[in-house]
Amino acid sequence: MAGGAAARAEFRRLWSEHRVKDKGHGRYLYRHPLVGEPELAYETLRLPDHPGLALGVHTADEDSASHTALRLLTTWADQETPAG
């Protein structure tokens, strides 16, 4: 599987660059195969008594295409959740 090997090589190259940022907030463009590229704002909330723990929150601007994409994803998730 040549494509898989190439993807793994690319991942190793990117990982070795280790461009990890510790940002508390910002915007991020996601690529999703079903809903396209929603742009979400994010906040990372750190717990003062537990510095190794964080809560990440992603939101979309109300009435935006990104908001519509997230709502569509939640309706699909609701349909696939088994009744229990």
PDB file of N, CA and C in Angstrom:
ATOM      1  N   MET A   1       0.839  -1.181   0.000  1.00  0.00           N
ATOM      2  CA  MET A   1       0.000   0.000   0.000  1.00  0.00           C
ATOM      3  C   MET A   1       0.885   1.245   0.000  1.00  0.00           C
ATOM      4  N   ALA A   2       1.207   1.740  -1.158  1.00  0.00           N
ATOM      5  CA  ALA A   2       2.144   2.859  -1.279  1.00  0.00           C
ATOM      6  C   ALA A   2       1.609   4.130  -0.633  1.00  0.00           C
ATOM      7  N   GLY A   3       0.297   4.424  -0.795  1.00  0.00           N
ATOM      8  CA  GLY A   3      -0.274   5.634  -0.214  1.00  0.00           C
ATOM      9  C   GLY A   3      -0.162   5.644   1.300  1.00  0.00           C
ATOM     10  N   GLY A   4      -0.365   4.489   1.922  1.00  0.00           N
ATOM     11  CA  GLY A   4      -0.251   4.392   3.368  1.00  0.00           C
ATOM     12  C   GLY A   4       1.171   4.657   3.838  1.00  0.00           C
ATOM     13  N   ALA A   5       2.132   4.101   3.141  1.00  0.00           N
ATOM     14  CA  ALA A   5       3.539   4.309   3.497  1.00  0.00           C
ATOM     15  C   ALA A   5       3.917   5.779   3.345  1.00  0.00           C
ATOM     16  N   ALA A   6       3.437   6.405   2.285  1.00  0.00           N
ATOM     17  CA  ALA A   6       3.729   7.830   2.073  1.00  0.00           C
ATOM     18  C   ALA A   6       3.107   8.666   3.185  1.00  0.00           C
ATOM     19  N   ALA A   7       1.886   8.312   3.578  1.00  0.00           N
ATOM     20  CA  ALA A   7       1.214   9.051   4.645  1.00  0.00           C
ATOM     21  C   ALA A   7       1.979   8.895   5.961  1.00  0.00           C
ATOM     22  N   ARG A   8       2.451   7.688   6.234  1.00  0.00           N
ATOM     23  CA  ARG A   8       3.216   7.462   7.466  1.00  0.00           C
ATOM     24  C   ARG A   8       4.528   8.257   7.435  1.00  0.00           C
ATOM     25  N   ALA A   9       5.176   8.307   6.276  1.00  0.00           N
ATOM     26  CA  ALA A   9       6.424   9.075   6.149  1.00  0.00           C
ATOM     27  C   ALA A   9       6.163  10.557   6.390  1.00  0.00           C
ATOM     28  N   GLU A  10       5.063  11.058   5.848  1.00  0.00           N
ATOM     29  CA  GLU A  10       4.695  12.466   6.038  1.00  0.00           C
ATOM     30  C   GLU A  10       4.420  12.735   7.512  1.00  0.00           C
ATOM     31  N   PHE A  11       3.692  11.827   8.158  1.00  0.00           N
ATOM     32  CA  PHE A  11       3.405  11.985   9.585  1.00  0.00           C
ATOM     33  C   PHE A  11       4.703  12.025  10.393  1.00  0.00           C
ATOM     34  N   ARG A  12       5.620  11.109  10.108  1.00  0.00           N
ATOM     35  CA  ARG A  12       6.901  11.086  10.828  1.00  0.00           C
ATOM     36  C   ARG A  12       7.664  12.393  10.632  1.00  0.00           C
ATOM     37  N   ARG A  13       7.631  12.924   9.414  1.00  0.00           N
ATOM     38  CA  ARG A  13       8.330  14.188   9.148  1.00  0.00           C
ATOM     39  C   ARG A  13       7.704  15.318   9.965  1.00  0.00           C
ATOM     40  N   LEU A  14       6.382  15.418   9.938  1.00  0.00           N
ATOM     41  CA  LEU A  14       5.703  16.475  10.686  1.00  0.00           C
ATOM     42  C   LEU A  14       5.909  16.319  12.189  1.00  0.00           C
ATOM     43  N   TRP A  15       5.836  15.091  12.666  1.00  0.00           N
ATOM     44  CA  TRP A  15       6.003  14.836  14.096  1.00  0.00           C
ATOM     45  C   TRP A  15       7.408  15.231  14.544  1.00  0.00           C
ATOM     46  N   SER A  16       8.401  14.966  13.701  1.00  0.00           N
ATOM     47  CA  SER A  16       9.777  15.289  14.076  1.00  0.00           C
ATOM     48  C   SER A  16       9.992  16.796  14.180  1.00  0.00           C
ATOM     49  N   GLU A  17       9.214  17.580  13.426  1.00  0.00           N
ATOM     50  CA  GLU A  17       9.317  19.034  13.524  1.00  0.00           C
ATOM     51  C   GLU A  17       8.758  19.539  14.841  1.00  0.00           C
ATOM     52  N   HIS A  18       7.822  18.802  15.417  1.00  0.00           N
ATOM     53  CA  HIS A  18       7.243  19.050  16.738  1.00  0.00           C
ATOM     54  C   HIS A  18       6.798  20.507  16.926  1.00  0.00           C
ATOM     55  N   ARG A  19       5.989  20.968  15.999  1.00  0.00           N
ATOM     56  CA  ARG A  19       5.487  22.336  16.075  1.00  0.00           C
ATOM     57  C   ARG A  19       4.201  22.358  16.905  1.00  0.00           C
ATOM     58  N   VAL A  20       4.325  22.065  18.167  1.00  0.00           N
ATOM     59  CA  VAL A  20       3.182  22.034  19.067  1.00  0.00           C
ATOM     60  C   VAL A  20       3.102  23.365  19.791  1.00  0.00           C
ATOM     61  N   LYS A  21       1.924  23.935  19.816  1.00  0.00           N
ATOM     62  CA  LYS A  21       1.727  25.222  20.467  1.00  0.00           C
ATOM     63  C   LYS A  21       0.784  25.025  21.650  1.00  0.00           C
ATOM     64  N   ASP A  22       1.066  25.685  22.727  1.00  0.00           N
ATOM     65  CA  ASP A  22       0.171  25.663  23.869  1.00  0.00           C
ATOM     66  C   ASP A  22      -0.590  26.984  23.875  1.00  0.00           C
ATOM     67  N   LYS A  23      -1.665  27.014  23.109  1.00  0.00           N
ATOM     68  CA  LYS A  23      -2.466  28.225  23.000  1.00  0.00           C
ATOM     69  C   LYS A  23      -3.759  28.037  23.772  1.00  0.00           C
ATOM     70  N   GLY A  24      -4.209  29.076  24.402  1.00  0.00           N
ATOM     71  CA  GLY A  24      -5.426  29.009  25.187  1.00  0.00           C
ATOM     72  C   GLY A  24      -6.687  29.274  24.390  1.00  0.00           C
ATOM     73  N   HIS A  25      -6.536  29.916  23.236  1.00  0.00           N
ATOM     74  CA  HIS A  25      -7.726  30.215  22.429  1.00  0.00           C
ATOM     75  C   HIS A  25      -7.303  30.516  20.992  1.00  0.00           C
ATOM     76  N   GLY A  26      -8.271  30.474  20.106  1.00  0.00           N
ATOM     77  CA  GLY A  26      -8.008  30.775  18.706  1.00  0.00           C
ATOM     78  C   GLY A  26      -9.097  30.219  17.814  1.00  0.00           C
ATOM     79  N   ARG A  27      -8.784  30.079  16.549  1.00  0.00           N
ATOM     80  CA  ARG A  27      -9.725  29.533  15.570  1.00  0.00           C
ATOM     81  C   ARG A  27      -9.007  28.438  14.801  1.00  0.00           C
ATOM     82  N   TYR A  28      -9.782  27.454  14.362  1.00  0.00           N
ATOM     83  CA  TYR A  28      -9.189  26.325  13.661  1.00  0.00           C
ATOM     84  C   TYR A  28     -10.129  25.883  12.553  1.00  0.00           C
ATOM     85  N   LEU A  29      -9.574  25.592  11.397  1.00  0.00           N
ATOM     86  CA  LEU A  29     -10.356  25.098  10.267  1.00  0.00           C
ATOM     87  C   LEU A  29     -10.226  23.580  10.231  1.00  0.00           C
ATOM     88  N   TYR A  30     -11.340  22.897  10.394  1.00  0.00           N
ATOM     89  CA  TYR A  30     -11.359  21.438  10.363  1.00  0.00           C
ATOM     90  C   TYR A  30     -11.741  20.968   8.970  1.00  0.00           C
ATOM     91  N   ARG A  31     -11.303  19.785   8.614  1.00  0.00           N
ATOM     92  CA  ARG A  31     -11.710  19.160   7.347  1.00  0.00           C
ATOM     93  C   ARG A  31     -12.495  17.915   7.686  1.00  0.00           C
ATOM     94  N   HIS A  32     -13.759  17.899   7.292  1.00  0.00           N
ATOM     95  CA  HIS A  32     -14.622  16.757   7.590  1.00  0.00           C
ATOM     96  C   HIS A  32     -15.172  16.214   6.276  1.00  0.00           C
ATOM     97  N   PRO A  33     -15.138  14.900   6.080  1.00  0.00           N
ATOM     98  CA  PRO A  33     -15.559  14.336   4.791  1.00  0.00           C
ATOM     99  C   PRO A  33     -17.036  14.540   4.470  1.00  0.00           C
ATOM    100  N   LEU A  34     -17.862  14.782   5.465  1.00  0.00           N
ATOM    101  CA  LEU A  34     -19.297  14.923   5.204  1.00  0.00           C
ATOM    102  C   LEU A  34     -19.790  16.363   5.175  1.00  0.00           C
ATOM    103  N   VAL A  35     -19.195  17.239   5.980  1.00  0.00           N
ATOM    104  CA  VAL A  35     -19.730  18.601   6.076  1.00  0.00           C
ATOM    105  C   VAL A  35     -18.753  19.677   5.593  1.00  0.00           C
ATOM    106  N   GLY A  36     -17.632  19.264   5.055  1.00  0.00           N
ATOM    107  CA  GLY A  36     -16.718  20.254   4.495  1.00  0.00           C
ATOM    108  C   GLY A  36     -15.706  20.773   5.502  1.00  0.00           C
ATOM    109  N   GLU A  37     -15.561  22.090   5.570  1.00  0.00           N
ATOM    110  CA  GLU A  37     -14.517  22.711   6.385  1.00  0.00           C
ATOM    111  C   GLU A  37     -15.097  23.727   7.363  1.00  0.00           C
ATOM    112  N   PRO A  38     -15.693  23.252   8.440  1.00  0.00           N
ATOM    113  CA  PRO A  38     -16.194  24.216   9.431  1.00  0.00           C
ATOM    114  C   PRO A  38     -15.034  24.895  10.172  1.00  0.00           C
ATOM    115  N   GLU A  39     -15.186  26.189  10.397  1.00  0.00           N
ATOM    116  CA  GLU A  39     -14.205  26.942  11.174  1.00  0.00           C
ATOM    117  C   GLU A  39     -14.753  27.112  12.581  1.00  0.00           C
ATOM    118  N   LEU A  40     -13.994  26.652  13.562  1.00  0.00           N
ATOM    119  CA  LEU A  40     -14.456  26.688  14.945  1.00  0.00           C
ATOM    120  C   LEU A  40     -13.510  27.520  15.796  1.00  0.00           C
ATOM    121  N   ALA A  41     -14.093  28.216  16.749  1.00  0.00           N
ATOM    122  CA  ALA A  41     -13.301  28.898  17.766  1.00  0.00           C
ATOM    123  C   ALA A  41     -13.047  27.880  18.871  1.00  0.00           C
ATOM    124  N   TYR A  42     -11.896  28.003  19.541  1.00  0.00           N
ATOM    125  CA  TYR A  42     -11.633  27.097  20.652  1.00  0.00           C
ATOM    126  C   TYR A  42     -11.090  27.859  21.850  1.00  0.00           C
ATOM    127  N   GLU A  43     -11.376  27.315  23.014  1.00  0.00           N
ATOM    128  CA  GLU A  43     -10.846  27.797  24.280  1.00  0.00           C
ATOM    129  C   GLU A  43     -10.304  26.591  25.019  1.00  0.00           C
ATOM    130  N   THR A  44      -9.136  26.709  25.594  1.00  0.00           N
ATOM    131  CA  THR A  44      -8.579  25.662  26.425  1.00  0.00           C
ATOM    132  C   THR A  44      -8.604  26.173  27.856  1.00  0.00           C
ATOM    133  N   LEU A  45      -9.342  25.479  28.696  1.00  0.00           N
ATOM    134  CA  LEU A  45      -9.495  25.887  30.089  1.00  0.00           C
ATOM    135  C   LEU A  45      -8.608  24.991  30.950  1.00  0.00           C
ATOM    136  N   ARG A  46      -7.650  25.577  31.618  1.00  0.00           N
ATOM    137  CA  ARG A  46      -6.723  24.845  32.481  1.00  0.00           C
ATOM    138  C   ARG A  46      -7.253  24.831  33.914  1.00  0.00           C
ATOM    139  N   LEU A  47      -7.027  23.730  34.591  1.00  0.00           N
ATOM    140  CA  LEU A  47      -7.444  23.604  35.982  1.00  0.00           C
ATOM    141  C   LEU A  47      -6.257  23.959  36.879  1.00  0.00           C
ATOM    142  N   PRO A  48      -6.368  25.020  37.683  1.00  0.00           N
ATOM    143  CA  PRO A  48      -5.217  25.495  38.465  1.00  0.00           C
ATOM    144  C   PRO A  48      -4.630  24.434  39.393  1.00  0.00           C
ATOM    145  N   ASP A  49      -5.455  23.610  39.977  1.00  0.00           N
ATOM    146  CA  ASP A  49      -4.957  22.603  40.913  1.00  0.00           C
ATOM    147  C   ASP A  49      -4.463  21.335  40.214  1.00  0.00           C
ATOM    148  N   HIS A  50      -4.702  21.226  38.920  1.00  0.00           N
ATOM    149  CA  HIS A  50      -4.297  20.055  38.141  1.00  0.00           C
ATOM    150  C   HIS A  50      -3.732  20.532  36.804  1.00  0.00           C
ATOM    151  N   PRO A  51      -2.496  21.009  36.765  1.00  0.00           N
ATOM    152  CA  PRO A  51      -1.954  21.603  35.547  1.00  0.00           C
ATOM    153  C   PRO A  51      -1.873  20.654  34.353  1.00  0.00           C
ATOM    154  N   GLY A  52      -1.911  19.360  34.604  1.00  0.00           N
ATOM    155  CA  GLY A  52      -1.861  18.416  33.493  1.00  0.00           C
ATOM    156  C   GLY A  52      -3.214  18.176  32.847  1.00  0.00           C
ATOM    157  N   LEU A  53      -4.262  18.729  33.422  1.00  0.00           N
ATOM    158  CA  LEU A  53      -5.609  18.545  32.884  1.00  0.00           C
ATOM    159  C   LEU A  53      -6.109  19.827  32.235  1.00  0.00           C
ATOM    160  N   ALA A  54      -6.859  19.666  31.154  1.00  0.00           N
ATOM    161  CA  ALA A  54      -7.439  20.826  30.479  1.00  0.00           C
ATOM    162  C   ALA A  54      -8.757  20.412  29.843  1.00  0.00           C
ATOM    163  N   LEU A  55      -9.628  21.370  29.701  1.00  0.00           N
ATOM    164  CA  LEU A  55     -10.902  21.162  29.026  1.00  0.00           C
ATOM    165  C   LEU A  55     -10.892  22.006  27.762  1.00  0.00           C
ATOM    166  N   GLY A  56     -11.089  21.360  26.625  1.00  0.00           N
ATOM    167  CA  GLY A  56     -11.128  22.078  25.352  1.00  0.00           C
ATOM    168  C   GLY A  56     -12.567  22.265  24.911  1.00  0.00           C
ATOM    169  N   VAL A  57     -12.920  23.486  24.544  1.00  0.00           N
ATOM    170  CA  VAL A  57     -14.272  23.816  24.103  1.00  0.00           C
ATOM    171  C   VAL A  57     -14.196  24.400  22.698  1.00  0.00           C
ATOM    172  N   HIS A  58     -14.963  23.831  21.784  1.00  0.00           N
ATOM    173  CA  HIS A  58     -15.027  24.340  20.403  1.00  0.00           C
ATOM    174  C   HIS A  58     -16.425  24.874  20.147  1.00  0.00           C
ATOM    175  N   THR A  59     -16.512  26.025  19.508  1.00  0.00           N
ATOM    176  CA  THR A  59     -17.803  26.621  19.184  1.00  0.00           C
ATOM    177  C   THR A  59     -17.774  27.181  17.762  1.00  0.00           C
ATOM    178  N   ALA A  60     -18.959  27.314  17.203  1.00  0.00           N
ATOM    179  CA  ALA A  60     -19.109  27.930  15.879  1.00  0.00           C
ATOM    180  C   ALA A  60     -19.943  29.191  16.030  1.00  0.00           C
ATOM    181  N   ASP A  61     -19.656  30.174  15.207  1.00  0.00           N
ATOM    182  CA  ASP A  61     -20.448  31.396  15.220  1.00  0.00           C
ATOM    183  C   ASP A  61     -21.890  31.063  14.862  1.00  0.00           C
ATOM    184  N   GLU A  62     -22.812  31.605  15.639  1.00  0.00           N
ATOM    185  CA  GLU A  62     -24.230  31.331  15.419  1.00  0.00           C
ATOM    186  C   GLU A  62     -24.646  31.766  14.016  1.00  0.00           C
ATOM    187  N   ASP A  63     -25.487  30.969  13.398  1.00  0.00           N
ATOM    188  CA  ASP A  63     -26.031  31.231  12.052  1.00  0.00           C
ATOM    189  C   ASP A  63     -24.962  31.223  10.957  1.00  0.00           C
ATOM    190  N   SER A  64     -23.818  30.620  11.233  1.00  0.00           N
ATOM    191  CA  SER A  64     -22.778  30.505  10.210  1.00  0.00           C
ATOM    192  C   SER A  64     -22.877  29.144   9.526  1.00  0.00           C
ATOM    193  N   ALA A  65     -22.169  28.990   8.413  1.00  0.00           N
ATOM    194  CA  ALA A  65     -22.115  27.692   7.742  1.00  0.00           C
ATOM    195  C   ALA A  65     -21.487  26.648   8.667  1.00  0.00           C
ATOM    196  N   SER A  66     -20.533  27.052   9.486  1.00  0.00           N
ATOM    197  CA  SER A  66     -19.901  26.138  10.433  1.00  0.00           C
ATOM    198  C   SER A  66     -20.896  25.661  11.483  1.00  0.00           C
ATOM    199  N   HIS A  67     -21.743  26.563  11.940  1.00  0.00           N
ATOM    200  CA  HIS A  67     -22.785  26.220  12.916  1.00  0.00           C
ATOM    201  C   HIS A  67     -23.753  25.204  12.304  1.00  0.00           C
ATOM    202  N   THR A  68     -24.136  25.430  11.071  1.00  0.00           N
ATOM    203  CA  THR A  68     -25.026  24.501  10.368  1.00  0.00           C
ATOM    204  C   THR A  68     -24.356  23.136  10.226  1.00  0.00           C
ATOM    205  N   ALA A  69     -23.073  23.124   9.908  1.00  0.00           N
ATOM    206  CA  ALA A  69     -22.344  21.864   9.767  1.00  0.00           C
ATOM    207  C   ALA A  69     -22.326  21.084  11.079  1.00  0.00           C
ATOM    208  N   LEU A  70     -22.089  21.768  12.202  1.00  0.00           N
ATOM    209  CA  LEU A  70     -22.083  21.088  13.496  1.00  0.00           C
ATOM    210  C   LEU A  70     -23.463  20.544  13.851  1.00  0.00           C
ATOM    211  N   ARG A  71     -24.486  21.309  13.569  1.00  0.00           N
ATOM    212  CA  ARG A  71     -25.846  20.829  13.861  1.00  0.00           C
ATOM    213  C   ARG A  71     -26.165  19.602  13.016  1.00  0.00           C
ATOM    214  N   LEU A  72     -25.732  19.606  11.760  1.00  0.00           N
ATOM    215  CA  LEU A  72     -25.947  18.458  10.896  1.00  0.00           C
ATOM    216  C   LEU A  72     -25.226  17.229  11.450  1.00  0.00           C
ATOM    217  N   LEU A  73     -24.010  17.411  11.908  1.00  0.00           N
ATOM    218  CA  LEU A  73     -23.269  16.292  12.491  1.00  0.00           C
ATOM    219  C   LEU A  73     -23.958  15.747  13.739  1.00  0.00           C
ATOM    220  N   THR A  74     -24.518  16.622  14.565  1.00  0.00           N
ATOM    221  CA  THR A  74     -25.196  16.133  15.768  1.00  0.00           C
ATOM    222  C   THR A  74     -26.466  15.372  15.419  1.00  0.00           C
ATOM    223  N   THR A  75     -27.165  15.762  14.365  1.00  0.00           N
ATOM    224  CA  THR A  75     -28.371  15.008  13.997  1.00  0.00           C
ATOM    225  C   THR A  75     -27.982  13.630  13.489  1.00  0.00           C
ATOM    226  N   TRP A  76     -26.872  13.532  12.766  1.00  0.00           N
ATOM    227  CA  TRP A  76     -26.415  12.216  12.306  1.00  0.00           C
ATOM    228  C   TRP A  76     -25.996  11.360  13.495  1.00  0.00           C
ATOM    229  N   ALA A  77     -25.311  11.971  14.462  1.00  0.00           N
ATOM    230  CA  ALA A  77     -24.863  11.228  15.643  1.00  0.00           C
ATOM    231  C   ALA A  77     -26.073  10.730  16.435  1.00  0.00           C
ATOM    232  N   ASP A  78     -27.114  11.558  16.556  1.00  0.00           N
ATOM    233  CA  ASP A  78     -28.324  11.153  17.271  1.00  0.00           C
ATOM    234  C   ASP A  78     -28.978   9.957  16.602  1.00  0.00           C
ATOM    235  N   GLN A  79     -28.965   9.907  15.278  1.00  0.00           N
ATOM    236  CA  GLN A  79     -29.591   8.803  14.545  1.00  0.00           C
ATOM    237  C   GLN A  79     -28.805   7.505  14.703  1.00  0.00           C
ATOM    238  N   GLU A  80     -27.486   7.606  14.906  1.00  0.00           N
ATOM    239  CA  GLU A  80     -26.651   6.411  15.000  1.00  0.00           C
ATOM    240  C   GLU A  80     -26.501   5.907  16.429  1.00  0.00           C
ATOM    241  N   THR A  81     -26.968   6.672  17.418  1.00  0.00           N
ATOM    242  CA  THR A  81     -26.866   6.250  18.817  1.00  0.00           C
ATOM    243  C   THR A  81     -27.927   5.196  19.089  1.00  0.00           C
ATOM    244  N   PRO A  82     -27.507   3.998  19.564  1.00  0.00           N
ATOM    245  CA  PRO A  82     -28.488   2.964  19.838  1.00  0.00           C
ATOM    246  C   PRO A  82     -29.383   3.335  21.015  1.00  0.00           C
ATOM    247  N   ALA A  83     -30.633   3.011  20.911  1.00  0.00           N
ATOM    248  CA  ALA A  83     -31.576   3.282  22.000  1.00  0.00           C
ATOM    249  C   ALA A  83     -31.239   2.361  23.164  1.00  0.00           C
ATOM    250  N   GLY A  84     -31.289   2.876  24.369  1.00  0.00           N
ATOM    251  CA  GLY A  84     -30.919   2.045  25.498  1.00  0.00           C
ATOM    252  C   GLY A  84     -31.640   2.369  26.679  1.00  0.00           C
TER     253      GLY A  84
END
